[in-house]
Amino acid sequence: MKYQILLFYKYTPIENPVHEMREQRKLCEQLGLTGRIIIATEGINGTVEGEFDATEKYIEEMTKDSRFADIDWKKSEGTGEAFPKLKVKVREEIVSLHLHDKDIKPWNVTGKYLEAEELHKWFEQGREFYIVDMRNDYEHKSGYFEGSILPPFSNFRDLSELLPQLENLKNKTVLTVCTGGVRCEKASGFLVKNGFADVYQLKNGIVTYMEKYPNEHFKGKLYVFDGRILMGFNTDSGEHEIVGKCERCLTTSENYINCDTVGCHRHFILCEKCIEEKGLICPNGCTYLRKKQRENPIHINR
């Protein structure tokens, strides 16, 4: 593996996010890493790519800091082109929920952790539980756990509007899932705060489950926020099922497009046949897409 991608987060109090931002940028630049890192008073959330030895050195340096020593690192093979550059920013939250509730911090309240191995047992045993997918709607169009509740989120901060739809699950076993775990830390805590009795979160997210149990109970591929767009495991084994559908003709497809029209930026699936026959037209009616997308529409990142 020449290049490696690290996906990570940690909810932990950070007194001076601006100082931490500068330190992170300095370290990443020294190691030649690219990617996105968000710093807030509540913690750190990032995805970075670099040469294998450089990413391992980044983990080594981060582990020296007691705040980050126990981060669960998700590692995957990179391409060297997953990110065009390095972005390190300070935000109010490392994942935007905008509930203005100071108590919804994972060190105060969160759901119970469920390991990937335990979830697999739940599926195999036919246990009664309800998966609520906390990703945005364009993410779960390409892949999801069987039997999942797939809310039509256009943004994670729409979570509060979902509560009335989940009222009948307050006394059931509920499992929240998301890509790497960072959104579920808050989402599960939000459900607990709102009276849900038995709330779990998938530890380390869908990506960890897929690595251990490829094509078992998770259908399709996982949407990721880098140049790869989709991540799958053992996709050539014959067991991989394409669940994404072209928004124009509804045939199965995993070809994501990003509308680059100002004010839109919608992510959608459009099959190559429809592109060839009718061109790149956004489902919102936008007709302007970047020239590079018109010329090469396959796997365009936002």
Protein backbone atom coordinates (compact mmCIF):
# COMPACT_ATOMS: atom_id res chain seq x y z
CA MET A 1 0.00 0.00 0.00
CA LYS A 2 1.71 3.18 -1.20
CA TYR A 3 -0.98 5.60 0.00
CA GLN A 4 -3.22 5.37 3.03
CA ILE A 5 -6.37 7.23 4.06
CA LEU A 6 -7.14 7.83 7.74
CA LEU A 7 -10.67 8.50 8.95
CA PHE A 8 -10.88 9.59 12.58
CA TYR A 9 -12.62 11.69 15.20
CA LYS A 10 -12.55 12.26 18.92
CA TYR A 11 -14.97 14.15 21.13
CA THR A 12 -12.77 15.73 23.77
CA PRO A 13 -12.62 19.26 25.22
CA ILE A 14 -10.18 21.49 23.32
CA GLU A 15 -9.58 24.78 25.12
CA ASN A 16 -7.91 26.60 22.24
CA PRO A 17 -9.17 25.33 18.84
CA VAL A 18 -7.26 28.01 16.92
CA HIS A 19 -3.96 26.89 18.42
CA GLU A 20 -4.82 23.25 17.69
CA MET A 21 -5.72 24.17 14.11
CA ARG A 22 -2.27 25.69 13.60
CA GLU A 23 -0.56 22.67 15.15
CA GLN A 24 -2.54 20.27 12.97
CA ARG A 25 -1.77 22.21 9.81
CA LYS A 26 1.93 22.34 10.68
CA LEU A 27 2.08 18.58 11.34
CA CYS A 28 0.17 17.65 8.19
CA GLU A 29 2.27 19.93 6.00
CA GLN A 30 5.47 18.44 7.42
CA LEU A 31 4.20 14.96 6.54
CA GLY A 32 2.79 15.93 3.15
CA LEU A 33 -0.78 14.98 4.06
CA THR A 34 -3.88 16.27 2.30
CA GLY A 35 -7.49 16.12 3.46
CA ARG A 36 -9.95 17.85 5.75
CA ILE A 37 -9.72 18.38 9.51
CA ILE A 38 -12.28 20.22 11.63
CA ILE A 39 -11.39 21.48 15.12
CA ALA A 40 -13.92 22.70 17.72
CA THR A 41 -14.08 23.08 21.48
CA GLU A 42 -15.81 19.67 21.49
CA GLY A 43 -13.07 17.77 19.62
CA ILE A 44 -11.53 16.87 16.27
CA ASN A 45 -12.89 15.23 13.11
CA GLY A 46 -10.80 14.47 10.05
CA THR A 47 -9.94 12.48 6.96
CA VAL A 48 -6.38 12.68 5.63
CA GLU A 49 -4.37 10.94 2.94
CA GLY A 50 -0.66 10.55 2.42
CA GLU A 51 2.11 8.06 1.80
CA PHE A 52 1.80 5.05 4.09
CA ASP A 53 4.76 5.90 6.34
CA ALA A 54 3.61 9.52 6.64
CA THR A 55 0.13 8.54 7.80
CA GLU A 56 1.57 6.11 10.33
CA LYS A 57 3.84 8.90 11.61
CA TYR A 58 0.78 11.14 11.95
CA ILE A 59 -0.89 8.51 14.14
CA GLU A 60 2.29 8.20 16.21
CA GLU A 61 2.45 11.97 16.81
CA MET A 62 -1.26 12.24 17.62
CA THR A 63 -1.03 9.39 20.12
CA LYS A 64 1.51 11.38 22.15
CA ASP A 65 -1.30 13.82 23.02
CA SER A 66 -3.42 12.45 25.88
CA ARG A 67 -6.56 13.99 24.34
CA PHE A 68 -6.14 11.90 21.20
CA ALA A 69 -4.33 8.81 22.54
CA ASP A 70 -7.32 6.48 22.27
CA ILE A 71 -8.62 7.50 18.84
CA ASP A 72 -9.99 4.59 16.80
CA TRP A 73 -8.27 5.00 13.45
CA LYS A 74 -10.04 3.74 10.33
CA LYS A 75 -7.47 2.93 7.67
CA SER A 76 -7.99 2.24 3.99
CA GLU A 77 -5.92 2.19 0.83
CA GLY A 78 -5.59 5.56 -0.87
CA THR A 79 -5.00 6.67 -4.42
CA GLY A 80 -2.79 9.68 -3.83
CA GLU A 81 -5.55 11.83 -5.30
CA ALA A 82 -8.35 11.54 -2.74
CA PHE A 83 -8.03 15.21 -1.77
CA PRO A 84 -6.79 18.13 -3.87
CA LYS A 85 -5.26 19.92 -0.88
CA LEU A 86 -5.18 20.25 2.91
CA LYS A 87 -7.95 22.11 4.76
CA VAL A 88 -7.84 22.59 8.52
CA LYS A 89 -10.66 24.71 9.94
CA VAL A 90 -12.18 25.80 13.24
CA ARG A 91 -15.94 25.31 13.60
CA GLU A 92 -18.50 25.55 16.41
CA GLU A 93 -19.07 21.79 16.17
CA ILE A 94 -17.10 18.95 14.58
CA VAL A 95 -20.38 17.71 13.13
CA SER A 96 -23.11 20.31 12.73
CA LEU A 97 -26.30 19.49 14.61
CA HIS A 98 -27.27 23.06 15.53
CA LEU A 99 -29.55 21.98 18.37
CA HIS A 100 -28.13 24.62 20.72
CA ASP A 101 -28.18 22.07 23.55
CA LYS A 102 -24.96 22.29 25.54
CA ASP A 103 -25.62 18.93 27.18
CA ILE A 104 -25.48 16.93 23.94
CA LYS A 105 -21.83 16.10 24.23
CA PRO A 106 -20.75 12.45 24.09
CA TRP A 107 -18.95 12.74 27.40
CA ASN A 108 -22.31 13.74 28.94
CA VAL A 109 -24.84 11.57 27.12
CA THR A 110 -24.65 9.13 24.20
CA GLY A 111 -25.97 5.76 23.14
CA LYS A 112 -24.42 2.44 24.10
CA TYR A 113 -21.63 1.25 21.82
CA LEU A 114 -22.34 -1.81 19.69
CA GLU A 115 -19.35 -3.57 18.13
CA ALA A 116 -19.52 -4.74 14.52
CA GLU A 117 -19.29 -8.36 15.70
CA GLU A 118 -22.31 -7.93 17.96
CA LEU A 119 -24.37 -6.31 15.21
CA HIS A 120 -23.57 -9.23 12.93
CA LYS A 121 -24.86 -11.59 15.64
CA TRP A 122 -28.06 -9.54 15.95
CA PHE A 123 -28.67 -9.96 12.23
CA GLU A 124 -27.87 -13.69 12.26
CA GLN A 125 -30.05 -14.33 15.33
CA GLY A 126 -33.00 -12.40 13.93
CA ARG A 127 -33.13 -10.13 16.95
CA GLU A 128 -35.72 -7.35 16.98
CA PHE A 129 -34.01 -4.00 16.59
CA TYR A 130 -34.42 -0.92 14.42
CA ILE A 131 -31.60 0.71 12.50
CA VAL A 132 -31.93 4.46 11.94
CA ASP A 133 -29.47 5.64 9.29
CA MET A 134 -28.15 9.06 10.32
CA ARG A 135 -26.53 9.88 6.99
CA ASN A 136 -27.83 12.33 4.41
CA ASP A 137 -30.23 10.98 1.80
CA TYR A 138 -27.71 11.11 -1.06
CA GLU A 139 -25.32 8.97 0.99
CA HIS A 140 -27.62 6.04 1.65
CA LYS A 141 -28.85 5.87 -1.94
CA SER A 142 -25.77 3.82 -2.86
CA GLY A 143 -25.78 1.52 0.16
CA TYR A 144 -27.53 0.72 3.44
CA PHE A 145 -28.17 -1.98 6.02
CA GLU A 146 -31.09 -4.23 5.19
CA GLY A 147 -34.29 -3.17 6.95
CA SER A 148 -32.93 0.30 7.79
CA ILE A 149 -35.06 3.35 8.39
CA LEU A 150 -33.69 5.83 5.83
CA PRO A 151 -34.82 9.34 6.76
CA PRO A 152 -34.86 11.88 3.90
CA PHE A 153 -32.18 14.08 5.47
CA SER A 154 -30.83 16.81 3.25
CA ASN A 155 -28.59 17.75 6.18
CA PHE A 156 -27.74 16.17 9.53
CA ARG A 157 -29.20 19.15 11.35
CA ASP A 158 -32.66 18.01 10.16
CA LEU A 159 -32.50 15.39 12.92
CA SER A 160 -34.89 17.23 15.25
CA GLU A 161 -37.59 17.08 12.56
CA LEU A 162 -37.30 13.29 12.48
CA LEU A 163 -38.48 12.72 16.06
CA PRO A 164 -42.25 12.50 15.34
CA GLN A 165 -41.57 9.74 12.78
CA LEU A 166 -39.71 7.68 15.39
CA GLU A 167 -42.20 8.09 18.24
CA ASN A 168 -43.30 4.44 18.01
CA LEU A 169 -39.71 3.28 18.67
CA LYS A 170 -39.24 4.94 22.06
CA ASN A 171 -39.52 1.62 23.89
CA LYS A 172 -37.76 -0.45 21.22
CA THR A 173 -34.09 -1.21 20.66
CA VAL A 174 -32.78 1.48 18.31
CA LEU A 175 -29.38 1.44 16.62
CA THR A 176 -27.99 4.57 14.96
CA VAL A 177 -25.48 4.13 12.13
CA CYS A 178 -23.31 6.50 10.11
CA THR A 179 -20.10 6.36 8.05
CA GLY A 180 -17.38 6.47 10.70
CA GLY A 181 -19.29 7.00 13.95
CA VAL A 182 -18.94 10.74 14.56
CA ARG A 183 -22.56 11.64 13.75
CA CYS A 184 -23.94 8.74 15.78
CA GLU A 185 -22.21 9.95 18.92
CA LYS A 186 -24.45 13.02 18.89
CA ALA A 187 -27.50 11.47 17.23
CA SER A 188 -27.77 8.66 19.75
CA GLY A 189 -27.35 11.14 22.61
CA PHE A 190 -30.12 13.26 21.11
CA LEU A 191 -32.47 10.25 21.09
CA VAL A 192 -31.57 9.41 24.69
CA LYS A 193 -32.26 13.01 25.73
CA ASN A 194 -35.66 12.78 24.05
CA GLY A 195 -36.85 9.73 25.94
CA PHE A 196 -35.74 6.75 23.85
CA ALA A 197 -35.18 3.90 26.28
CA ASP A 198 -32.72 1.54 24.56
CA VAL A 199 -30.37 3.37 22.20
CA TYR A 200 -27.19 1.97 20.65
CA GLN A 201 -24.67 3.36 18.17
CA LEU A 202 -22.53 1.30 15.83
CA LYS A 203 -19.00 1.70 17.14
CA ASN A 204 -16.57 3.05 14.53
CA GLY A 205 -19.33 3.26 11.96
CA ILE A 206 -20.42 1.39 8.87
CA VAL A 207 -16.93 1.32 7.39
CA THR A 208 -15.65 -0.92 10.21
CA TYR A 209 -18.59 -3.32 9.83
CA MET A 210 -18.06 -3.54 6.05
CA GLU A 211 -14.38 -4.34 6.47
CA LYS A 212 -15.22 -7.30 8.73
CA TYR A 213 -18.38 -8.51 7.00
CA PRO A 214 -18.31 -7.45 3.35
CA ASN A 215 -21.63 -7.90 1.55
CA GLU A 216 -23.29 -9.31 4.68
CA HIS A 217 -26.46 -7.41 5.63
CA PHE A 218 -25.09 -4.18 4.17
CA LYS A 219 -26.21 -3.77 0.58
CA GLY A 220 -24.34 -1.70 -2.00
CA LYS A 221 -21.33 0.53 -1.39
CA LEU A 222 -20.49 3.11 1.25
CA TYR A 223 -20.47 6.79 0.24
CA VAL A 224 -17.27 8.49 1.43
CA PHE A 225 -16.26 12.15 1.39
CA ASP A 226 -13.17 12.01 -0.76
CA GLY A 227 -12.20 11.43 -4.37
CA ARG A 228 -13.10 7.73 -4.25
CA ILE A 229 -16.80 8.63 -3.72
CA LEU A 230 -17.75 5.02 -2.98
CA MET A 231 -16.06 2.31 -0.94
CA GLY A 232 -16.82 -1.38 -1.28
CA PHE A 233 -15.19 -4.64 -0.17
CA ASN A 234 -15.01 -7.87 -2.20
CA THR A 235 -17.11 -6.22 -4.88
CA ASP A 236 -15.87 -8.66 -7.53
CA SER A 237 -16.93 -11.71 -5.55
CA GLY A 238 -20.36 -11.92 -7.16
CA GLU A 239 -22.03 -11.17 -3.81
CA HIS A 240 -22.01 -7.40 -4.24
CA GLU A 241 -25.45 -5.96 -4.98
CA ILE A 242 -25.87 -2.59 -6.68
CA VAL A 243 -28.76 -0.79 -4.95
CA GLY A 244 -28.27 2.74 -6.28
CA LYS A 245 -30.70 3.88 -8.97
CA CYS A 246 -30.36 6.42 -11.73
CA GLU A 247 -32.61 9.37 -10.87
CA ARG A 248 -33.67 9.68 -14.51
CA CYS A 249 -34.47 6.11 -15.63
CA LEU A 250 -34.33 4.18 -12.31
CA THR A 251 -31.93 1.53 -13.60
CA THR A 252 -29.27 0.36 -11.14
CA SER A 253 -26.17 2.52 -11.09
CA GLU A 254 -23.42 3.72 -8.76
CA ASN A 255 -22.38 6.69 -10.89
CA TYR A 256 -22.49 9.78 -8.67
CA ILE A 257 -22.65 13.31 -10.07
CA ASN A 258 -22.33 16.61 -8.24
CA CYS A 259 -24.26 19.61 -9.55
CA ASP A 260 -21.91 22.56 -9.37
CA THR A 261 -24.59 25.21 -9.83
CA VAL A 262 -24.36 27.88 -7.13
CA GLY A 263 -27.09 27.25 -4.55
CA CYS A 264 -27.65 23.64 -5.61
CA HIS A 265 -24.65 21.30 -5.23
CA ARG A 266 -26.95 18.30 -5.25
CA HIS A 267 -25.37 14.83 -5.24
CA PHE A 268 -27.25 12.38 -7.40
CA ILE A 269 -26.87 9.16 -9.35
CA LEU A 270 -27.08 9.30 -13.13
CA CYS A 271 -26.31 6.27 -15.30
CA GLU A 272 -23.91 6.53 -18.21
CA LYS A 273 -26.62 5.68 -20.74
CA CYS A 274 -28.78 8.63 -19.63
CA ILE A 275 -25.76 10.93 -19.71
CA GLU A 276 -24.95 9.82 -23.24
CA GLU A 277 -28.55 10.16 -24.47
CA LYS A 278 -29.76 13.29 -22.64
CA GLY A 279 -26.71 14.92 -21.11
CA LEU A 280 -25.88 16.05 -17.59
CA ILE A 281 -29.04 17.63 -16.27
CA CYS A 282 -29.51 17.96 -12.50
CA PRO A 283 -32.81 16.60 -11.05
CA ASN A 284 -33.37 20.12 -9.70
CA GLY A 285 -33.42 21.42 -13.27
CA CYS A 286 -29.92 22.89 -13.30
CA THR A 287 -28.10 22.54 -16.60
CA TYR A 288 -24.72 24.06 -15.72
CA LEU A 289 -22.04 21.66 -14.55
CA ARG A 290 -18.30 22.19 -14.59
CA LYS A 291 -16.59 21.43 -17.88
CA LYS A 292 -14.57 18.64 -16.31
CA GLN A 293 -17.80 16.95 -15.22
CA ARG A 294 -19.28 17.16 -18.70
CA GLU A 295 -16.15 15.58 -20.12
CA ASN A 296 -15.64 12.97 -17.40
CA PRO A 297 -18.71 12.55 -15.20
CA ILE A 298 -17.65 9.37 -13.46
CA HIS A 299 -16.98 9.65 -9.73
CA ILE A 300 -16.94 13.42 -9.36
CA ASN A 301 -16.42 14.57 -5.80
CA ARG A 302 -18.18 17.55 -4.30
